[in-house]
N, C-alpha and C. Protein backbone atom coordinates (compact mmCIF):
# COMPACT_ATOMS: atom_id res chain seq x y z
N MET A 1 110.43 64.05 121.24
CA MET A 1 109.83 64.04 122.47
C MET A 1 108.51 63.51 122.35
N PRO A 2 108.20 62.32 123.06
CA PRO A 2 106.83 61.71 122.85
C PRO A 2 105.82 62.52 123.72
N ILE A 3 104.68 62.53 123.23
CA ILE A 3 103.55 63.18 123.88
C ILE A 3 102.39 62.10 124.19
N LYS A 4 102.01 62.07 125.44
CA LYS A 4 100.92 61.24 125.84
C LYS A 4 99.66 62.17 126.04
N GLN A 5 98.76 62.10 125.16
CA GLN A 5 97.71 63.05 125.20
C GLN A 5 96.59 62.62 126.00
N LYS A 6 95.88 63.55 126.68
CA LYS A 6 94.68 63.25 127.53
C LYS A 6 93.65 62.87 126.67
N LYS A 7 92.65 62.24 127.18
CA LYS A 7 91.47 61.83 126.49
C LYS A 7 90.60 63.13 126.04
N GLU A 8 90.73 64.07 127.00
CA GLU A 8 90.05 65.35 126.74
C GLU A 8 90.94 66.21 125.83
N LYS A 9 90.63 66.45 124.60
CA LYS A 9 91.36 67.28 123.88
C LYS A 9 90.91 68.70 123.74
N MET A 10 89.75 68.89 124.20
CA MET A 10 89.03 70.12 124.26
C MET A 10 88.82 70.64 125.55
N ILE A 11 89.01 71.93 125.77
CA ILE A 11 88.80 72.64 127.07
C ILE A 11 87.82 73.70 126.92
N LYS A 12 86.77 73.73 127.77
CA LYS A 12 85.75 74.70 127.77
C LYS A 12 86.40 76.06 128.33
N LYS A 13 86.59 76.99 127.55
CA LYS A 13 87.10 78.27 127.97
C LYS A 13 86.09 79.04 128.75
N ASN A 14 84.92 79.20 128.15
CA ASN A 14 83.75 79.76 128.76
C ASN A 14 82.48 79.10 128.24
N LYS A 15 81.38 79.59 128.54
CA LYS A 15 80.14 79.00 128.11
C LYS A 15 79.98 78.96 126.61
N ASP A 16 80.54 80.01 126.05
CA ASP A 16 80.33 80.13 124.52
C ASP A 16 81.34 79.56 123.61
N SER A 17 82.54 79.39 124.16
CA SER A 17 83.70 78.93 123.18
C SER A 17 84.32 77.63 123.65
N ILE A 18 84.72 76.79 122.73
CA ILE A 18 85.55 75.66 123.02
C ILE A 18 86.82 75.73 122.15
N ILE A 19 87.91 75.59 122.76
CA ILE A 19 89.21 75.70 121.92
C ILE A 19 89.89 74.37 122.04
N ASN A 20 90.66 74.11 121.04
CA ASN A 20 91.61 73.05 121.04
C ASN A 20 92.97 73.44 121.62
N VAL A 21 93.25 72.84 122.69
CA VAL A 21 94.44 73.39 123.58
C VAL A 21 95.71 73.11 122.83
N LEU A 22 95.85 71.96 122.31
CA LEU A 22 97.17 71.46 121.77
C LEU A 22 97.08 71.01 120.28
N ASN A 23 97.74 71.60 119.39
CA ASN A 23 97.75 71.05 117.98
C ASN A 23 99.20 71.16 117.42
N SER A 24 99.40 70.65 116.35
CA SER A 24 100.87 70.56 115.70
C SER A 24 101.47 71.89 115.60
N GLU A 25 100.66 72.92 115.14
CA GLU A 25 101.19 74.23 114.96
C GLU A 25 101.74 74.78 116.29
N THR A 26 100.91 74.56 117.46
CA THR A 26 101.23 75.08 118.75
C THR A 26 102.56 74.41 119.24
N VAL A 27 102.63 73.04 119.03
CA VAL A 27 103.79 72.31 119.45
C VAL A 27 105.01 72.83 118.68
N LYS A 28 104.94 73.00 117.36
CA LYS A 28 105.99 73.42 116.63
C LYS A 28 106.54 74.92 117.05
N GLU A 29 105.52 75.66 117.39
CA GLU A 29 105.81 77.02 117.80
C GLU A 29 106.60 76.96 119.14
N TYR A 30 106.27 76.08 120.09
CA TYR A 30 106.98 75.85 121.25
C TYR A 30 108.41 75.50 120.97
N GLY A 31 108.71 74.57 120.00
CA GLY A 31 110.03 74.07 119.67
C GLY A 31 110.82 75.19 119.10
N PHE A 32 110.26 76.00 118.14
CA PHE A 32 111.00 77.15 117.50
C PHE A 32 111.34 78.22 118.63
N ASN A 33 110.26 78.47 119.42
CA ASN A 33 110.53 79.55 120.35
C ASN A 33 111.57 79.08 121.39
N ALA A 34 111.67 77.77 121.72
CA ALA A 34 112.80 77.27 122.58
C ALA A 34 114.13 77.29 122.07
N GLY A 35 114.21 77.44 120.59
CA GLY A 35 115.63 77.52 120.02
C GLY A 35 115.77 76.36 119.08
N ALA A 36 114.85 75.50 118.67
CA ALA A 36 115.05 74.44 117.78
C ALA A 36 115.16 75.07 116.40
N SER A 37 116.04 74.54 115.45
CA SER A 37 116.15 75.01 114.07
C SER A 37 115.02 74.26 113.15
N VAL A 38 114.71 73.08 113.63
CA VAL A 38 113.69 72.19 112.84
C VAL A 38 112.82 71.57 113.91
N VAL A 39 111.48 71.43 113.60
CA VAL A 39 110.62 70.72 114.47
C VAL A 39 109.68 69.81 113.56
N GLY A 40 109.51 68.58 113.91
CA GLY A 40 108.65 67.73 113.28
C GLY A 40 107.89 66.78 114.15
N ILE A 41 106.72 66.37 113.76
CA ILE A 41 105.83 65.50 114.60
C ILE A 41 105.52 64.19 113.87
N ALA A 42 105.66 63.14 114.52
CA ALA A 42 105.24 61.80 113.98
C ALA A 42 104.30 61.15 114.81
N ALA A 43 103.36 60.40 114.23
CA ALA A 43 102.57 59.59 114.92
C ALA A 43 103.32 58.31 115.55
N ALA A 44 102.97 57.93 116.73
CA ALA A 44 103.81 56.94 117.51
C ALA A 44 103.14 55.59 117.38
N ALA A 45 102.19 55.39 116.41
CA ALA A 45 101.55 54.08 116.27
C ALA A 45 102.63 53.07 115.91
N ALA A 46 102.43 51.77 116.40
CA ALA A 46 103.33 50.65 115.95
C ALA A 46 103.51 50.59 114.57
N GLU A 47 102.39 50.62 113.62
CA GLU A 47 102.63 50.46 112.22
C GLU A 47 103.49 51.49 111.65
N ASP A 48 103.55 52.70 112.25
CA ASP A 48 104.34 53.78 111.71
C ASP A 48 105.81 53.55 111.95
N PHE A 49 106.16 52.90 113.04
CA PHE A 49 107.50 52.61 113.57
C PHE A 49 107.81 51.13 113.09
N ALA A 50 107.16 50.56 112.15
CA ALA A 50 107.37 49.14 111.82
C ALA A 50 108.94 48.86 111.46
N LEU A 51 109.62 49.76 110.81
CA LEU A 51 110.96 49.59 110.52
C LEU A 51 112.00 49.85 111.62
N ALA A 52 111.51 50.32 112.79
CA ALA A 52 112.38 50.60 113.92
C ALA A 52 112.83 49.25 114.54
N PRO A 53 113.98 49.14 115.15
CA PRO A 53 114.39 47.88 115.74
C PRO A 53 113.43 47.56 117.00
N GLU A 54 113.29 46.29 117.09
CA GLU A 54 112.42 45.81 118.23
C GLU A 54 112.92 46.30 119.48
N GLY A 55 112.15 46.87 120.38
CA GLY A 55 112.52 47.41 121.71
C GLY A 55 112.80 48.84 121.54
N PHE A 56 112.73 49.45 120.38
CA PHE A 56 113.04 50.87 120.26
C PHE A 56 111.95 51.72 119.49
N LYS A 57 110.67 51.10 119.65
CA LYS A 57 109.52 51.79 119.13
C LYS A 57 108.82 52.48 120.33
N PRO A 58 108.13 53.59 120.21
CA PRO A 58 107.55 54.31 121.22
C PRO A 58 106.65 53.36 122.05
N ALA A 59 105.87 52.50 121.49
CA ALA A 59 104.98 51.61 122.19
C ALA A 59 105.82 50.60 123.21
N ASP A 60 107.04 50.39 122.74
CA ASP A 60 107.88 49.38 123.67
C ASP A 60 108.18 49.90 124.92
N SER A 61 108.30 51.36 125.18
CA SER A 61 108.70 51.68 126.54
C SER A 61 107.91 53.06 126.94
N LEU A 62 107.02 53.48 126.16
CA LEU A 62 106.29 54.60 126.41
C LEU A 62 104.79 54.43 126.17
N ALA A 63 104.17 53.66 127.14
CA ALA A 63 102.83 53.25 126.97
C ALA A 63 101.84 54.42 126.92
N GLY A 64 100.98 54.37 125.88
CA GLY A 64 100.03 55.47 125.70
C GLY A 64 100.50 56.66 124.89
N CYS A 65 101.74 56.48 124.33
CA CYS A 65 102.24 57.61 123.57
C CYS A 65 101.53 57.62 122.28
N CYS A 66 101.05 58.93 121.95
CA CYS A 66 100.31 59.14 120.72
C CYS A 66 101.17 59.77 119.65
N SER A 67 102.07 60.71 120.06
CA SER A 67 102.93 61.53 118.97
C SER A 67 104.41 61.48 119.47
N VAL A 68 105.29 61.83 118.54
CA VAL A 68 106.62 61.95 118.87
C VAL A 68 107.05 63.30 118.31
N VAL A 69 107.55 64.23 119.03
CA VAL A 69 107.92 65.50 118.54
C VAL A 69 109.49 65.38 118.47
N VAL A 70 109.93 65.76 117.21
CA VAL A 70 111.36 65.73 116.97
C VAL A 70 111.93 67.07 116.82
N LEU A 71 113.05 67.35 117.64
CA LEU A 71 113.64 68.72 117.62
C LEU A 71 115.04 68.54 117.04
N GLY A 72 115.44 69.50 116.34
CA GLY A 72 116.83 69.64 115.84
C GLY A 72 117.34 70.98 115.88
N ALA A 73 118.71 71.11 116.07
CA ALA A 73 119.37 72.42 116.22
C ALA A 73 120.62 72.44 115.32
N THR A 74 120.98 73.61 114.96
CA THR A 74 122.14 73.69 113.94
C THR A 74 123.46 73.43 114.78
N PHE A 75 124.30 72.54 114.31
CA PHE A 75 125.55 72.23 114.84
C PHE A 75 126.46 73.43 114.47
N SER A 76 127.33 73.94 115.35
CA SER A 76 128.22 74.96 115.00
C SER A 76 129.11 74.52 113.90
N GLN A 77 129.38 75.49 112.92
CA GLN A 77 130.23 75.24 111.79
C GLN A 77 131.64 75.16 112.32
N GLU A 78 131.91 75.84 113.44
CA GLU A 78 133.30 75.80 114.01
C GLU A 78 133.74 74.29 114.47
N ALA A 79 132.70 73.53 114.77
CA ALA A 79 132.96 72.23 115.20
C ALA A 79 133.56 71.31 114.02
N PHE A 80 133.04 71.56 112.86
CA PHE A 80 133.50 70.93 111.62
C PHE A 80 134.99 71.35 111.28
N ASN A 81 135.21 72.63 111.48
CA ASN A 81 136.40 73.23 111.01
C ASN A 81 137.57 72.93 112.06
N ASN A 82 137.23 72.57 113.19
CA ASN A 82 138.24 72.36 114.31
C ASN A 82 138.03 71.02 114.89
N SER A 83 138.67 69.84 114.32
CA SER A 83 138.48 68.60 114.88
C SER A 83 138.92 68.35 116.25
N ALA A 84 139.89 69.19 116.71
CA ALA A 84 140.40 69.02 118.11
C ALA A 84 139.34 69.36 119.11
N ASN A 85 138.32 70.24 118.80
CA ASN A 85 137.35 70.65 119.72
C ASN A 85 135.90 70.03 119.42
N TYR A 86 135.95 69.12 118.44
CA TYR A 86 134.70 68.53 118.01
C TYR A 86 133.95 67.94 119.21
N THR A 87 134.58 67.10 120.09
CA THR A 87 133.83 66.50 121.11
C THR A 87 133.34 67.46 122.09
N GLU A 88 134.05 68.51 122.33
CA GLU A 88 133.55 69.61 123.20
C GLU A 88 132.26 70.23 122.62
N TYR A 89 132.30 70.54 121.28
CA TYR A 89 131.16 71.15 120.64
C TYR A 89 129.95 70.23 120.64
N ARG A 90 130.18 68.94 120.43
CA ARG A 90 129.12 67.96 120.40
C ARG A 90 128.51 67.91 121.79
N LYS A 91 129.31 67.89 122.79
CA LYS A 91 128.69 67.77 124.10
C LYS A 91 127.85 69.03 124.46
N ALA A 92 128.31 70.20 124.03
CA ALA A 92 127.49 71.39 124.22
C ALA A 92 126.28 71.38 123.50
N MET A 93 126.44 70.90 122.23
CA MET A 93 125.21 70.67 121.40
C MET A 93 124.16 69.76 122.02
N ILE A 94 124.60 68.70 122.52
CA ILE A 94 123.54 67.70 123.07
C ILE A 94 122.99 68.43 124.30
N GLU A 95 123.76 69.09 125.10
CA GLU A 95 123.19 69.80 126.31
C GLU A 95 122.10 70.80 125.85
N GLU A 96 122.47 71.57 124.83
CA GLU A 96 121.60 72.62 124.31
C GLU A 96 120.25 71.91 123.81
N ILE A 97 120.31 70.88 122.97
CA ILE A 97 119.07 70.24 122.46
C ILE A 97 118.30 69.66 123.67
N ASN A 98 119.06 69.08 124.56
CA ASN A 98 118.26 68.55 125.79
C ASN A 98 117.53 69.64 126.53
N GLY A 99 118.09 70.77 126.57
CA GLY A 99 117.47 71.96 127.23
C GLY A 99 116.28 72.52 126.47
N ILE A 100 116.35 72.45 125.13
CA ILE A 100 115.26 72.83 124.26
C ILE A 100 114.03 71.75 124.47
N ALA A 101 114.39 70.42 124.52
CA ALA A 101 113.35 69.56 124.70
C ALA A 101 112.67 69.60 126.03
N LYS A 102 113.46 69.87 127.08
CA LYS A 102 112.92 70.09 128.36
C LYS A 102 112.00 71.22 128.46
N ASN A 103 112.30 72.41 127.68
CA ASN A 103 111.44 73.54 127.70
C ASN A 103 110.17 73.20 126.84
N VAL A 104 110.18 72.44 125.82
CA VAL A 104 108.99 72.15 125.11
C VAL A 104 108.21 71.21 125.95
N GLU A 105 108.84 70.20 126.63
CA GLU A 105 108.06 69.34 127.56
C GLU A 105 107.28 70.16 128.66
N LYS A 106 107.95 71.10 129.15
CA LYS A 106 107.17 71.94 130.17
C LYS A 106 106.05 72.67 129.58
N ARG A 107 106.20 73.20 128.34
CA ARG A 107 105.10 73.99 127.72
C ARG A 107 103.91 72.97 127.56
N ILE A 108 104.21 71.90 127.02
CA ILE A 108 103.18 70.81 126.72
C ILE A 108 102.56 70.48 128.07
N LYS A 109 103.21 70.24 129.04
CA LYS A 109 102.61 69.82 130.39
C LYS A 109 101.71 71.00 130.94
N ALA A 110 102.23 72.19 130.75
CA ALA A 110 101.42 73.32 131.11
C ALA A 110 100.11 73.36 130.48
N ASP A 111 100.00 72.80 129.22
CA ASP A 111 98.67 72.73 128.46
C ASP A 111 97.83 71.60 128.95
N GLY A 112 98.32 70.81 130.00
CA GLY A 112 97.48 69.78 130.58
C GLY A 112 97.72 68.40 129.92
N TYR A 113 98.81 68.20 129.24
CA TYR A 113 99.15 66.96 128.60
C TYR A 113 100.37 66.25 129.23
N LYS A 114 100.45 65.05 129.06
CA LYS A 114 101.67 64.34 129.58
C LYS A 114 102.71 64.33 128.54
N ALA A 115 103.96 64.59 128.91
CA ALA A 115 105.10 64.62 127.96
C ALA A 115 106.31 64.04 128.63
N ARG A 116 107.16 63.56 127.81
CA ARG A 116 108.47 63.10 128.38
C ARG A 116 109.65 63.37 127.33
N SER A 117 110.64 63.95 127.83
CA SER A 117 111.82 64.17 126.91
C SER A 117 112.62 62.96 126.81
N VAL A 118 112.95 62.56 125.53
CA VAL A 118 113.74 61.42 125.30
C VAL A 118 115.04 61.82 124.57
N THR A 119 116.21 61.53 124.90
CA THR A 119 117.34 61.83 124.28
C THR A 119 118.14 60.60 123.77
N GLY A 120 119.19 60.81 123.03
CA GLY A 120 119.97 59.77 122.49
C GLY A 120 120.79 59.04 123.60
N PHE A 121 120.86 59.63 124.79
CA PHE A 121 121.61 59.12 125.86
C PHE A 121 120.71 59.03 127.08
N GLY A 122 121.05 58.01 128.00
CA GLY A 122 120.27 57.87 129.14
C GLY A 122 119.10 56.82 128.99
N GLY A 123 119.22 56.12 127.95
CA GLY A 123 118.08 55.23 127.51
C GLY A 123 118.47 53.86 127.98
N LYS A 124 118.77 52.98 127.02
CA LYS A 124 118.97 51.55 127.26
C LYS A 124 120.51 51.14 126.92
N TRP A 125 121.04 50.20 127.82
CA TRP A 125 122.25 49.69 127.44
C TRP A 125 122.06 48.38 126.76
N VAL A 126 122.75 48.32 125.48
CA VAL A 126 122.52 47.13 124.72
C VAL A 126 123.95 46.50 124.59
N GLU A 127 124.02 45.18 124.70
CA GLU A 127 125.20 44.41 124.42
C GLU A 127 125.26 44.00 123.12
N GLY A 128 126.49 44.11 122.43
CA GLY A 128 126.70 43.58 121.13
C GLY A 128 128.11 43.92 120.75
N ASN A 129 128.71 42.98 119.97
CA ASN A 129 130.07 43.12 119.40
C ASN A 129 131.09 43.21 120.68
N GLY A 130 130.76 42.47 121.74
CA GLY A 130 131.69 42.44 122.81
C GLY A 130 131.67 43.62 123.76
N ARG A 131 130.75 44.50 123.51
CA ARG A 131 130.71 45.74 124.38
C ARG A 131 129.32 46.26 124.65
N LYS A 132 129.21 47.03 125.65
CA LYS A 132 127.77 47.56 125.88
C LYS A 132 127.73 48.94 125.22
N GLU A 133 126.59 49.27 124.64
CA GLU A 133 126.51 50.62 124.06
C GLU A 133 125.15 51.19 124.50
N GLN A 134 125.10 52.53 124.68
CA GLN A 134 123.90 53.25 125.16
C GLN A 134 123.07 53.84 124.03
N PHE A 135 121.85 53.49 124.03
CA PHE A 135 120.95 53.98 123.00
C PHE A 135 119.70 54.73 123.63
N GLY A 136 119.04 55.49 122.85
CA GLY A 136 117.83 56.24 123.37
C GLY A 136 116.61 55.12 123.66
N LEU A 137 115.75 55.54 124.32
CA LEU A 137 114.54 54.74 124.49
C LEU A 137 113.82 54.33 123.25
N ILE A 138 113.85 55.27 122.30
CA ILE A 138 113.20 54.96 121.01
C ILE A 138 114.21 55.14 119.90
N SER A 139 113.98 54.70 118.73
CA SER A 139 114.85 54.99 117.60
C SER A 139 114.63 56.51 117.12
N LEU A 140 115.57 57.31 117.51
CA LEU A 140 115.52 58.66 117.05
C LEU A 140 115.65 58.81 115.49
N LYS A 141 116.41 57.99 114.92
CA LYS A 141 116.52 58.28 113.45
C LYS A 141 115.15 57.88 112.77
N HIS A 142 114.45 56.80 113.25
CA HIS A 142 113.12 56.48 112.62
C HIS A 142 112.13 57.58 112.94
N ALA A 143 112.28 58.16 114.16
CA ALA A 143 111.21 59.20 114.52
C ALA A 143 111.55 60.46 113.73
N ALA A 144 112.80 60.74 113.51
CA ALA A 144 113.12 61.95 112.61
C ALA A 144 112.62 61.67 111.21
N GLU A 145 112.81 60.55 110.70
CA GLU A 145 112.31 60.31 109.34
C GLU A 145 110.81 60.39 109.24
N LEU A 146 110.17 59.74 110.19
CA LEU A 146 108.68 59.80 110.29
C LEU A 146 108.15 61.31 110.42
N ALA A 147 108.85 62.11 111.15
CA ALA A 147 108.54 63.51 111.36
C ALA A 147 108.94 64.38 110.17
N GLY A 148 109.53 63.86 109.11
CA GLY A 148 109.82 64.68 107.91
C GLY A 148 111.09 65.38 108.04
N ILE A 149 111.91 65.10 108.99
CA ILE A 149 113.28 65.88 109.16
C ILE A 149 114.34 65.35 108.29
N GLY A 150 114.22 64.12 107.84
CA GLY A 150 115.25 63.59 107.02
C GLY A 150 114.86 62.20 106.51
N VAL A 151 115.95 61.45 105.90
CA VAL A 151 115.74 60.10 105.33
C VAL A 151 116.84 59.24 105.84
N ILE A 152 116.52 58.08 106.23
CA ILE A 152 117.55 57.10 106.52
C ILE A 152 118.04 56.49 105.21
N GLY A 153 119.31 56.68 104.93
CA GLY A 153 119.91 56.19 103.77
C GLY A 153 120.34 54.79 103.81
N LYS A 154 120.91 54.31 102.65
CA LYS A 154 121.31 53.03 102.65
C LYS A 154 122.47 52.57 103.64
N ASN A 155 123.21 53.61 104.03
CA ASN A 155 124.25 53.48 105.03
C ASN A 155 123.77 53.58 106.48
N TYR A 156 122.51 53.70 106.57
CA TYR A 156 121.69 53.80 107.90
C TYR A 156 122.03 55.18 108.57
N LEU A 157 122.48 56.11 107.82
CA LEU A 157 122.65 57.43 108.44
C LEU A 157 121.50 58.27 108.06
N LEU A 158 121.06 59.16 108.88
CA LEU A 158 119.91 60.02 108.64
C LEU A 158 120.49 61.18 107.78
N THR A 159 120.06 61.38 106.58
CA THR A 159 120.46 62.55 105.77
C THR A 159 119.30 63.59 105.93
N ASN A 160 119.48 64.71 106.44
CA ASN A 160 118.30 65.62 106.68
C ASN A 160 118.11 66.39 105.45
N THR A 161 116.92 66.87 105.35
CA THR A 161 116.43 67.66 104.13
C THR A 161 116.80 69.23 104.32
N TYR A 162 117.32 69.56 105.46
CA TYR A 162 117.65 70.95 105.72
C TYR A 162 118.97 71.41 105.51
N GLN A 163 119.94 70.95 106.25
CA GLN A 163 121.35 71.27 106.16
C GLN A 163 122.15 70.20 106.84
N PRO A 164 123.41 69.96 106.40
CA PRO A 164 124.19 68.90 107.11
C PRO A 164 124.49 69.16 108.65
N SER A 165 124.41 70.38 109.00
CA SER A 165 124.81 70.72 110.33
C SER A 165 123.66 70.66 111.39
N ILE A 166 122.52 70.11 110.95
CA ILE A 166 121.41 69.88 111.83
C ILE A 166 121.61 68.48 112.62
N ARG A 167 121.39 68.57 113.95
CA ARG A 167 121.61 67.42 114.75
C ARG A 167 120.26 67.29 115.60
């Protein structure tokens, strides 16, 4: 989830103390409290996303984006054991992670920052191989790798450093 930070990072609480409203520990706490199994944060600078496909870097569609918060949740082991219900479990998982992202977005906005939830669906339609496919606004694989959630392998799959059931 990209964050567009305000220029004012400090808020005067009273005459004697100034506190930093939003930092990485706070954002990670928001993610874990919302139900995420893993939370990582990546800088959204163009040079950091140099390997992401053109048109799928934060700067391409999210002007002013400073950071990308990546959230992951554990995929039910039942889904792997029951292929007949895999699609149903996957759909429920996507809805769950979208809810987690919306919750974190609300918390960040409540702190006075701009935020926008970005999912793998509802982004851009891209034509290729004789069909149209839907992709997220940014490369979620590159964001996850930059946030320390996993590594993009030779097969272009993200292998996470936690457990294979993280999505």
